[in-house]
C-alpha cells in the first residue's frame, strides 16, 4: 500500500507543478485524480516495483543530471556535423551489450541512448541493443560502455 500512497503523492506533485495555479478547485481536482489513478494502478496490479520504481529515487538525482549533460554534448556534436559543409556522417548499426538486470533499467538504458542526439535504439534482443548511430565515433562511444555502466549504477546492481 506504500507504493500506492507514494504514487498518489508523486502524481499530485506532478499535477500541481504542471498546473501552476493553486485554486481550491484545481487542488481538489488534482487530489481526486491522483488518488483515483493510484487506486486504478493498484487494482490493475501495476503499482509494483517496476511500475512505480521509488527505490531508484536517490540514484536518479545523479543519473538525470549526467544524462542531461550527455544530451547537451551530443547535441553540440550533431550540430557541428550538420554545420560542416562536408557533412561528415558515417551511419552505423552496432550491437551494444547491456549489463542491466531489470526491465526498468534496460528500458532506461535504451531510452537514454535514444534521447542522446545522433543515436537511436532500434531493437533489444537478449542482452544486446541494436543501435543506429549517425557516425562511427558515436557508435564507438556506446561500445566503450560508459552509458551502460552509468545505467547499471542507476539501477543499483553495481
N, C-alpha and C. Protein backbone atom coordinates (compact mmCIF):
# COMPACT_ATOMS: atom_id res chain seq x y z
N UNK A 1 0.82 -1.19 0.00
CA UNK A 1 0.00 0.00 0.00
C UNK A 1 0.87 1.26 0.00
N UNK A 2 2.12 1.12 0.46
CA UNK A 2 3.04 2.25 0.49
C UNK A 2 3.31 2.80 -0.91
N UNK A 3 3.42 1.90 -1.88
CA UNK A 3 3.66 2.33 -3.26
C UNK A 3 2.46 3.09 -3.82
N UNK A 4 1.26 2.69 -3.45
CA UNK A 4 0.05 3.38 -3.92
C UNK A 4 0.01 4.80 -3.37
N UNK A 5 0.31 4.94 -2.08
CA UNK A 5 0.34 6.27 -1.48
C UNK A 5 1.44 7.12 -2.11
N UNK A 6 2.61 6.52 -2.28
CA UNK A 6 3.72 7.23 -2.92
C UNK A 6 3.35 7.66 -4.34
N UNK A 7 2.71 6.75 -5.07
CA UNK A 7 2.31 7.07 -6.44
C UNK A 7 1.31 8.23 -6.46
N UNK A 8 0.36 8.21 -5.54
CA UNK A 8 -0.63 9.30 -5.47
C UNK A 8 0.06 10.63 -5.17
N UNK A 9 1.03 10.61 -4.27
CA UNK A 9 1.75 11.84 -3.93
C UNK A 9 2.55 12.35 -5.12
N UNK A 10 3.26 11.45 -5.79
CA UNK A 10 4.05 11.85 -6.97
C UNK A 10 3.14 12.42 -8.06
N UNK A 11 2.02 11.76 -8.30
CA UNK A 11 1.08 12.25 -9.31
C UNK A 11 0.51 13.61 -8.94
N UNK A 12 0.20 13.81 -7.65
CA UNK A 12 -0.33 15.10 -7.20
C UNK A 12 0.71 16.21 -7.36
N UNK A 13 1.94 15.93 -6.97
CA UNK A 13 3.02 16.93 -7.12
C UNK A 13 3.21 17.26 -8.59
N UNK A 14 3.19 16.24 -9.44
CA UNK A 14 3.32 16.46 -10.89
C UNK A 14 2.16 17.33 -11.40
N UNK A 15 0.97 17.01 -10.98
CA UNK A 15 -0.24 17.77 -11.36
C UNK A 15 -0.08 19.24 -10.97
N UNK A 16 0.30 19.47 -9.72
CA UNK A 16 0.43 20.83 -9.22
C UNK A 16 1.56 21.58 -9.90
N UNK A 17 2.65 20.89 -10.19
CA UNK A 17 3.78 21.52 -10.87
C UNK A 17 3.39 21.95 -12.28
N UNK A 18 2.71 21.10 -13.00
CA UNK A 18 2.31 21.44 -14.36
C UNK A 18 1.19 22.48 -14.39
N UNK A 19 0.34 22.47 -13.40
CA UNK A 19 -0.78 23.39 -13.37
C UNK A 19 -0.30 24.83 -13.18
N UNK A 20 0.50 25.05 -12.15
CA UNK A 20 0.97 26.41 -11.88
C UNK A 20 -0.08 27.30 -11.24
N UNK A 21 -1.29 26.81 -11.10
CA UNK A 21 -2.39 27.56 -10.47
C UNK A 21 -2.84 26.77 -9.25
N UNK A 22 -3.04 27.46 -8.16
CA UNK A 22 -3.33 26.77 -6.91
C UNK A 22 -4.66 27.23 -6.31
N UNK A 23 -5.69 27.04 -7.08
CA UNK A 23 -7.03 27.35 -6.57
C UNK A 23 -7.58 26.11 -5.87
N UNK A 24 -8.57 26.30 -5.08
CA UNK A 24 -9.20 25.19 -4.35
C UNK A 24 -9.71 24.13 -5.32
N UNK A 25 -10.33 24.57 -6.40
CA UNK A 25 -10.88 23.63 -7.38
C UNK A 25 -9.77 22.78 -8.00
N UNK A 26 -8.66 23.41 -8.43
CA UNK A 26 -7.58 22.66 -9.09
C UNK A 26 -6.87 21.72 -8.12
N UNK A 27 -6.66 22.17 -6.91
CA UNK A 27 -6.01 21.29 -5.93
C UNK A 27 -6.91 20.10 -5.61
N UNK A 28 -8.20 20.35 -5.43
CA UNK A 28 -9.15 19.27 -5.16
C UNK A 28 -9.22 18.31 -6.35
N UNK A 29 -9.28 18.86 -7.55
CA UNK A 29 -9.28 18.01 -8.76
C UNK A 29 -8.01 17.18 -8.84
N UNK A 30 -6.89 17.77 -8.50
CA UNK A 30 -5.61 17.05 -8.51
C UNK A 30 -5.57 15.92 -7.51
N UNK A 31 -6.06 16.18 -6.30
CA UNK A 31 -6.09 15.14 -5.27
C UNK A 31 -6.98 13.99 -5.72
N UNK A 32 -8.17 14.30 -6.20
CA UNK A 32 -9.11 13.27 -6.63
C UNK A 32 -8.52 12.46 -7.80
N UNK A 33 -7.95 13.15 -8.76
CA UNK A 33 -7.36 12.46 -9.92
C UNK A 33 -6.19 11.58 -9.51
N UNK A 34 -5.29 12.11 -8.69
CA UNK A 34 -4.11 11.35 -8.27
C UNK A 34 -4.50 10.10 -7.48
N UNK A 35 -5.43 10.25 -6.57
CA UNK A 35 -5.88 9.10 -5.77
C UNK A 35 -6.59 8.07 -6.66
N UNK A 36 -7.44 8.55 -7.58
CA UNK A 36 -8.16 7.62 -8.48
C UNK A 36 -7.18 6.85 -9.36
N UNK A 37 -6.19 7.53 -9.90
CA UNK A 37 -5.22 6.85 -10.77
C UNK A 37 -4.38 5.87 -9.97
N UNK A 38 -3.96 6.26 -8.77
CA UNK A 38 -3.16 5.36 -7.92
C UNK A 38 -3.97 4.12 -7.55
N UNK A 39 -5.25 4.31 -7.22
CA UNK A 39 -6.11 3.16 -6.89
C UNK A 39 -6.35 2.28 -8.12
N UNK A 40 -6.52 2.89 -9.26
CA UNK A 40 -6.67 2.13 -10.51
C UNK A 40 -5.41 1.32 -10.80
N UNK A 41 -4.24 1.94 -10.61
CA UNK A 41 -2.97 1.23 -10.81
C UNK A 41 -2.85 0.05 -9.84
N UNK A 42 -3.30 0.26 -8.59
CA UNK A 42 -3.30 -0.82 -7.60
C UNK A 42 -4.22 -1.95 -8.03
N UNK A 43 -5.40 -1.58 -8.48
CA UNK A 43 -6.39 -2.59 -8.91
C UNK A 43 -5.90 -3.36 -10.13
N UNK A 44 -5.17 -2.67 -11.02
CA UNK A 44 -4.63 -3.32 -12.22
C UNK A 44 -3.34 -4.09 -11.91
N UNK A 45 -2.89 -3.99 -10.67
CA UNK A 45 -1.67 -4.66 -10.22
C UNK A 45 -0.42 -4.16 -10.95
N UNK A 46 -0.37 -2.86 -11.22
CA UNK A 46 0.82 -2.28 -11.86
C UNK A 46 1.54 -1.31 -10.92
N UNK A 47 1.07 -1.17 -9.70
CA UNK A 47 1.73 -0.30 -8.73
C UNK A 47 2.77 -1.13 -7.98
N UNK A 48 3.66 -1.77 -8.74
CA UNK A 48 4.67 -2.62 -8.14
C UNK A 48 6.05 -1.99 -8.26
N UNK A 49 7.07 -2.73 -7.98
CA UNK A 49 8.46 -2.25 -8.01
C UNK A 49 8.84 -1.75 -9.40
N UNK A 50 8.29 -2.35 -10.42
CA UNK A 50 8.60 -1.94 -11.79
C UNK A 50 7.72 -0.79 -12.25
N UNK A 51 6.46 -0.81 -11.90
CA UNK A 51 5.52 0.22 -12.34
C UNK A 51 5.72 1.55 -11.65
N UNK A 52 6.21 1.52 -10.43
CA UNK A 52 6.49 2.75 -9.67
C UNK A 52 7.80 2.54 -8.91
N UNK A 53 8.93 2.70 -9.61
CA UNK A 53 10.23 2.38 -9.03
C UNK A 53 10.77 3.46 -8.08
N UNK A 54 10.12 3.63 -6.94
CA UNK A 54 10.56 4.66 -5.99
C UNK A 54 11.93 4.35 -5.41
N UNK A 55 12.36 3.11 -5.48
CA UNK A 55 13.67 2.73 -4.96
C UNK A 55 14.80 3.35 -5.78
N UNK A 56 14.50 3.87 -6.97
CA UNK A 56 15.52 4.50 -7.81
C UNK A 56 15.61 6.01 -7.62
N UNK A 57 14.81 6.54 -6.69
CA UNK A 57 14.73 7.99 -6.49
C UNK A 57 16.08 8.66 -6.22
N UNK A 58 16.85 8.13 -5.29
CA UNK A 58 18.14 8.75 -4.96
C UNK A 58 19.14 8.61 -6.10
N UNK A 59 19.14 7.46 -6.76
CA UNK A 59 20.04 7.27 -7.90
C UNK A 59 19.72 8.23 -9.03
N UNK A 60 18.44 8.57 -9.17
CA UNK A 60 18.02 9.48 -10.24
C UNK A 60 18.61 10.86 -10.06
N UNK A 61 18.88 11.26 -8.83
CA UNK A 61 19.45 12.58 -8.57
C UNK A 61 20.84 12.75 -9.15
N UNK A 62 21.56 11.65 -9.36
CA UNK A 62 22.87 11.75 -10.02
C UNK A 62 22.79 11.35 -11.49
N UNK A 63 21.88 10.42 -11.81
CA UNK A 63 21.81 9.94 -13.20
C UNK A 63 21.22 10.99 -14.14
N UNK A 64 20.11 11.62 -13.76
CA UNK A 64 19.45 12.57 -14.66
C UNK A 64 20.33 13.75 -15.03
N UNK A 65 21.02 14.39 -14.08
CA UNK A 65 21.91 15.49 -14.49
C UNK A 65 23.02 15.02 -15.43
N UNK A 66 23.55 13.82 -15.16
CA UNK A 66 24.56 13.27 -16.05
C UNK A 66 23.98 13.05 -17.45
N UNK A 67 22.78 12.51 -17.54
CA UNK A 67 22.14 12.26 -18.83
C UNK A 67 21.87 13.57 -19.57
N UNK A 68 21.40 14.58 -18.85
CA UNK A 68 21.16 15.89 -19.48
C UNK A 68 22.47 16.43 -20.06
N UNK A 69 23.56 16.27 -19.31
CA UNK A 69 24.87 16.73 -19.81
C UNK A 69 25.26 15.96 -21.07
N UNK A 70 25.04 14.66 -21.10
CA UNK A 70 25.35 13.85 -22.28
C UNK A 70 24.51 14.28 -23.48
N UNK A 71 23.25 14.62 -23.24
CA UNK A 71 22.36 15.08 -24.31
C UNK A 71 22.88 16.40 -24.88
N UNK A 72 23.31 17.30 -24.00
CA UNK A 72 23.85 18.59 -24.45
C UNK A 72 25.12 18.39 -25.27
N UNK A 73 26.04 17.57 -24.77
CA UNK A 73 27.28 17.32 -25.51
C UNK A 73 27.00 16.69 -26.87
N UNK A 74 26.10 15.74 -26.91
CA UNK A 74 25.77 15.07 -28.16
C UNK A 74 25.06 16.01 -29.13
N UNK A 75 24.20 16.87 -28.60
CA UNK A 75 23.51 17.85 -29.46
C UNK A 75 24.53 18.80 -30.10
N UNK A 76 25.51 19.22 -29.32
CA UNK A 76 26.57 20.08 -29.88
C UNK A 76 27.37 19.35 -30.95
N UNK A 77 27.64 18.08 -30.72
CA UNK A 77 28.37 17.29 -31.70
C UNK A 77 27.57 17.13 -32.99
N UNK A 78 26.28 16.82 -32.89
CA UNK A 78 25.44 16.68 -34.07
C UNK A 78 25.32 18.02 -34.80
N UNK A 79 25.21 19.11 -34.05
CA UNK A 79 25.15 20.44 -34.65
C UNK A 79 26.43 20.73 -35.44
N UNK A 80 27.57 20.37 -34.85
CA UNK A 80 28.86 20.55 -35.53
C UNK A 80 28.91 19.75 -36.84
N UNK A 81 28.37 18.55 -36.81
CA UNK A 81 28.34 17.72 -38.02
C UNK A 81 27.45 18.36 -39.09
N UNK A 82 26.29 18.87 -38.69
CA UNK A 82 25.35 19.46 -39.64
C UNK A 82 25.91 20.73 -40.25
N UNK A 83 26.59 21.53 -39.44
CA UNK A 83 27.13 22.81 -39.93
C UNK A 83 28.33 22.60 -40.86
N UNK A 84 29.05 21.54 -40.68
CA UNK A 84 30.23 21.25 -41.50
C UNK A 84 29.79 21.06 -42.96
N UNK A 85 30.40 21.81 -43.88
CA UNK A 85 29.99 21.72 -45.29
C UNK A 85 30.14 20.32 -45.89
N UNK A 86 31.10 19.54 -45.40
CA UNK A 86 31.29 18.21 -45.99
C UNK A 86 30.37 17.17 -45.35
N UNK A 87 29.60 17.55 -44.33
CA UNK A 87 28.66 16.68 -43.64
C UNK A 87 29.28 15.30 -43.36
N UNK A 88 30.24 15.27 -42.41
CA UNK A 88 30.99 14.02 -42.17
C UNK A 88 30.21 12.98 -41.37
N UNK A 89 29.22 12.37 -42.02
CA UNK A 89 28.46 11.32 -41.34
C UNK A 89 28.92 9.96 -41.83
N UNK A 90 28.76 8.99 -40.98
CA UNK A 90 29.06 7.61 -41.34
C UNK A 90 28.05 6.73 -40.61
N UNK A 91 26.80 6.69 -41.12
CA UNK A 91 25.74 5.94 -40.44
C UNK A 91 26.17 4.50 -40.16
N UNK A 92 25.92 4.09 -38.93
CA UNK A 92 26.40 2.79 -38.47
C UNK A 92 25.33 2.09 -37.64
N UNK A 93 25.18 0.81 -37.85
CA UNK A 93 24.38 -0.03 -36.97
C UNK A 93 25.35 -0.87 -36.15
N UNK A 94 25.14 -0.88 -34.85
CA UNK A 94 26.02 -1.66 -33.98
C UNK A 94 25.21 -2.32 -32.88
N UNK A 95 25.72 -3.41 -32.37
CA UNK A 95 25.09 -4.08 -31.23
C UNK A 95 25.89 -3.73 -29.99
N UNK A 96 25.16 -3.29 -28.95
CA UNK A 96 25.78 -2.86 -27.71
C UNK A 96 25.30 -3.78 -26.59
N UNK A 97 26.22 -4.29 -25.79
CA UNK A 97 25.87 -5.16 -24.66
C UNK A 97 25.21 -4.36 -23.55
N UNK A 98 24.25 -5.01 -22.87
CA UNK A 98 23.59 -4.41 -21.70
C UNK A 98 23.97 -5.24 -20.48
N UNK A 99 24.33 -4.55 -19.40
CA UNK A 99 24.65 -5.27 -18.17
C UNK A 99 23.56 -5.10 -17.11
N UNK A 100 22.47 -4.44 -17.46
CA UNK A 100 21.38 -4.22 -16.51
C UNK A 100 20.64 -5.52 -16.25
N UNK A 101 20.12 -5.65 -15.03
CA UNK A 101 19.44 -6.88 -14.64
C UNK A 101 17.92 -6.78 -14.72
N UNK A 102 17.36 -5.57 -14.54
CA UNK A 102 15.90 -5.43 -14.51
C UNK A 102 15.39 -4.81 -15.81
N UNK A 103 14.11 -5.04 -16.07
CA UNK A 103 13.49 -4.45 -17.26
C UNK A 103 13.48 -2.93 -17.20
N UNK A 104 13.25 -2.38 -16.00
CA UNK A 104 13.23 -0.92 -15.84
C UNK A 104 14.59 -0.33 -16.24
N UNK A 105 15.66 -0.94 -15.79
CA UNK A 105 17.00 -0.43 -16.10
C UNK A 105 17.32 -0.61 -17.59
N UNK A 106 16.88 -1.70 -18.17
CA UNK A 106 17.13 -1.92 -19.61
C UNK A 106 16.39 -0.89 -20.46
N UNK A 107 15.15 -0.60 -20.08
CA UNK A 107 14.38 0.42 -20.80
C UNK A 107 15.01 1.79 -20.59
N UNK A 108 15.47 2.05 -19.38
CA UNK A 108 16.15 3.32 -19.10
C UNK A 108 17.39 3.46 -19.99
N UNK A 109 18.15 2.40 -20.12
CA UNK A 109 19.34 2.43 -20.96
C UNK A 109 18.98 2.67 -22.43
N UNK A 110 18.01 1.92 -22.93
CA UNK A 110 17.59 2.09 -24.33
C UNK A 110 17.05 3.49 -24.58
N UNK A 111 16.25 4.01 -23.65
CA UNK A 111 15.72 5.37 -23.80
C UNK A 111 16.82 6.42 -23.69
N UNK A 112 17.80 6.19 -22.85
CA UNK A 112 18.92 7.12 -22.72
C UNK A 112 19.69 7.21 -24.03
N UNK A 113 19.87 6.07 -24.68
CA UNK A 113 20.54 6.06 -25.99
C UNK A 113 19.74 6.88 -26.99
N UNK A 114 18.43 6.65 -27.02
CA UNK A 114 17.58 7.35 -27.98
C UNK A 114 17.48 8.85 -27.68
N UNK A 115 17.47 9.21 -26.41
CA UNK A 115 17.41 10.63 -26.04
C UNK A 115 18.67 11.40 -26.44
N UNK A 116 19.77 10.69 -26.56
CA UNK A 116 21.03 11.32 -26.91
C UNK A 116 21.07 11.53 -28.43
N UNK A 117 21.12 12.80 -28.89
CA UNK A 117 21.11 13.06 -30.34
C UNK A 117 22.24 12.32 -31.06
N UNK A 118 21.89 11.77 -32.20
CA UNK A 118 22.86 11.05 -33.02
C UNK A 118 22.79 9.54 -32.86
N UNK A 119 21.99 9.06 -31.90
CA UNK A 119 21.85 7.62 -31.70
C UNK A 119 20.39 7.27 -31.46
N UNK A 120 20.00 6.09 -31.94
CA UNK A 120 18.63 5.61 -31.76
C UNK A 120 18.68 4.12 -31.44
N UNK A 121 17.98 3.71 -30.38
CA UNK A 121 17.84 2.29 -30.07
C UNK A 121 16.82 1.72 -31.04
N UNK A 122 17.22 0.70 -31.77
CA UNK A 122 16.35 0.13 -32.80
C UNK A 122 15.66 -1.13 -32.29
N UNK A 123 16.39 -1.98 -31.57
CA UNK A 123 15.84 -3.26 -31.15
C UNK A 123 16.60 -3.77 -29.93
N UNK A 124 15.90 -4.47 -29.07
CA UNK A 124 16.53 -5.15 -27.94
C UNK A 124 16.35 -6.64 -28.16
N UNK A 125 17.45 -7.35 -28.11
CA UNK A 125 17.41 -8.80 -28.30
C UNK A 125 18.37 -9.44 -27.30
N UNK A 126 17.80 -10.16 -26.34
CA UNK A 126 18.63 -10.76 -25.30
C UNK A 126 19.28 -9.69 -24.45
N UNK A 127 20.61 -9.73 -24.37
CA UNK A 127 21.33 -8.74 -23.57
C UNK A 127 22.04 -7.72 -24.47
N UNK A 128 21.50 -7.50 -25.68
CA UNK A 128 22.08 -6.53 -26.61
C UNK A 128 21.02 -5.57 -27.14
N UNK A 129 21.48 -4.36 -27.45
CA UNK A 129 20.62 -3.37 -28.09
C UNK A 129 21.22 -3.08 -29.45
N UNK A 130 20.38 -3.11 -30.48
CA UNK A 130 20.79 -2.70 -31.81
C UNK A 130 20.62 -1.19 -31.87
N UNK A 131 21.72 -0.49 -32.17
CA UNK A 131 21.72 0.97 -32.14
C UNK A 131 22.14 1.51 -33.50
N UNK A 132 21.40 2.52 -33.98
CA UNK A 132 21.80 3.26 -35.18
C UNK A 132 22.48 4.53 -34.71
N UNK A 133 23.70 4.76 -35.19
CA UNK A 133 24.45 5.95 -34.82
C UNK A 133 24.76 6.75 -36.08
N UNK A 134 24.76 8.08 -35.94
CA UNK A 134 24.99 8.96 -37.09
C UNK A 134 26.44 8.90 -37.57
N UNK A 135 27.36 8.59 -36.64
CA UNK A 135 28.77 8.46 -37.01
C UNK A 135 29.36 7.22 -36.33
N UNK A 136 30.44 6.76 -36.86
CA UNK A 136 31.15 5.62 -36.27
C UNK A 136 31.66 5.98 -34.87
N UNK A 137 32.05 7.25 -34.67
CA UNK A 137 32.53 7.69 -33.36
C UNK A 137 31.43 7.57 -32.30
N UNK A 138 30.22 7.94 -32.66
CA UNK A 138 29.10 7.81 -31.72
C UNK A 138 28.90 6.34 -31.34
N UNK A 139 29.00 5.46 -32.33
CA UNK A 139 28.85 4.03 -32.07
C UNK A 139 29.99 3.54 -31.17
N UNK A 140 31.19 4.01 -31.42
CA UNK A 140 32.34 3.60 -30.61
C UNK A 140 32.19 4.05 -29.16
N UNK A 141 31.66 5.26 -28.96
CA UNK A 141 31.43 5.75 -27.60
C UNK A 141 30.48 4.82 -26.85
N UNK A 142 29.41 4.38 -27.51
CA UNK A 142 28.47 3.46 -26.87
C UNK A 142 29.11 2.10 -26.60
N UNK A 143 29.89 1.64 -27.57
CA UNK A 143 30.54 0.34 -27.42
C UNK A 143 31.54 0.35 -26.27
N UNK A 144 32.10 1.53 -25.95
CA UNK A 144 33.04 1.65 -24.84
C UNK A 144 32.37 1.33 -23.50
N UNK A 145 31.05 1.54 -23.43
CA UNK A 145 30.29 1.10 -22.27
C UNK A 145 30.08 2.10 -21.15
N UNK A 146 30.42 3.36 -21.35
CA UNK A 146 30.24 4.37 -20.30
C UNK A 146 28.79 4.54 -19.89
N UNK A 147 27.90 4.67 -20.87
CA UNK A 147 26.48 4.84 -20.56
C UNK A 147 25.91 3.58 -19.93
N UNK A 148 26.37 2.43 -20.38
CA UNK A 148 25.92 1.16 -19.81
C UNK A 148 26.28 1.10 -18.33
N UNK A 149 27.52 1.48 -17.99
CA UNK A 149 27.94 1.46 -16.59
C UNK A 149 27.11 2.43 -15.74
N UNK A 150 26.85 3.62 -16.28
CA UNK A 150 26.06 4.60 -15.53
C UNK A 150 24.64 4.09 -15.30
N UNK A 151 24.04 3.45 -16.31
CA UNK A 151 22.68 2.90 -16.15
C UNK A 151 22.68 1.75 -15.13
N UNK A 152 23.71 0.96 -15.13
CA UNK A 152 23.81 -0.14 -14.17
C UNK A 152 23.97 0.41 -12.76
N UNK A 153 24.75 1.49 -12.61
CA UNK A 153 24.87 2.15 -11.30
C UNK A 153 23.53 2.73 -10.88
N UNK A 154 22.82 3.32 -11.84
CA UNK A 154 21.49 3.89 -11.56
C UNK A 154 20.56 2.81 -11.04
N UNK A 155 20.64 1.64 -11.65
CA UNK A 155 19.81 0.51 -11.23
C UNK A 155 20.19 0.05 -9.82
N UNK A 156 21.45 0.23 -9.47
CA UNK A 156 21.91 -0.18 -8.14
C UNK A 156 22.44 -1.59 -8.08
N UNK A 157 22.78 -2.18 -9.24
CA UNK A 157 23.28 -3.55 -9.23
C UNK A 157 24.79 -3.61 -9.33
N UNK A 158 25.46 -2.46 -9.13
CA UNK A 158 26.93 -2.48 -9.13
C UNK A 158 27.43 -2.45 -7.71
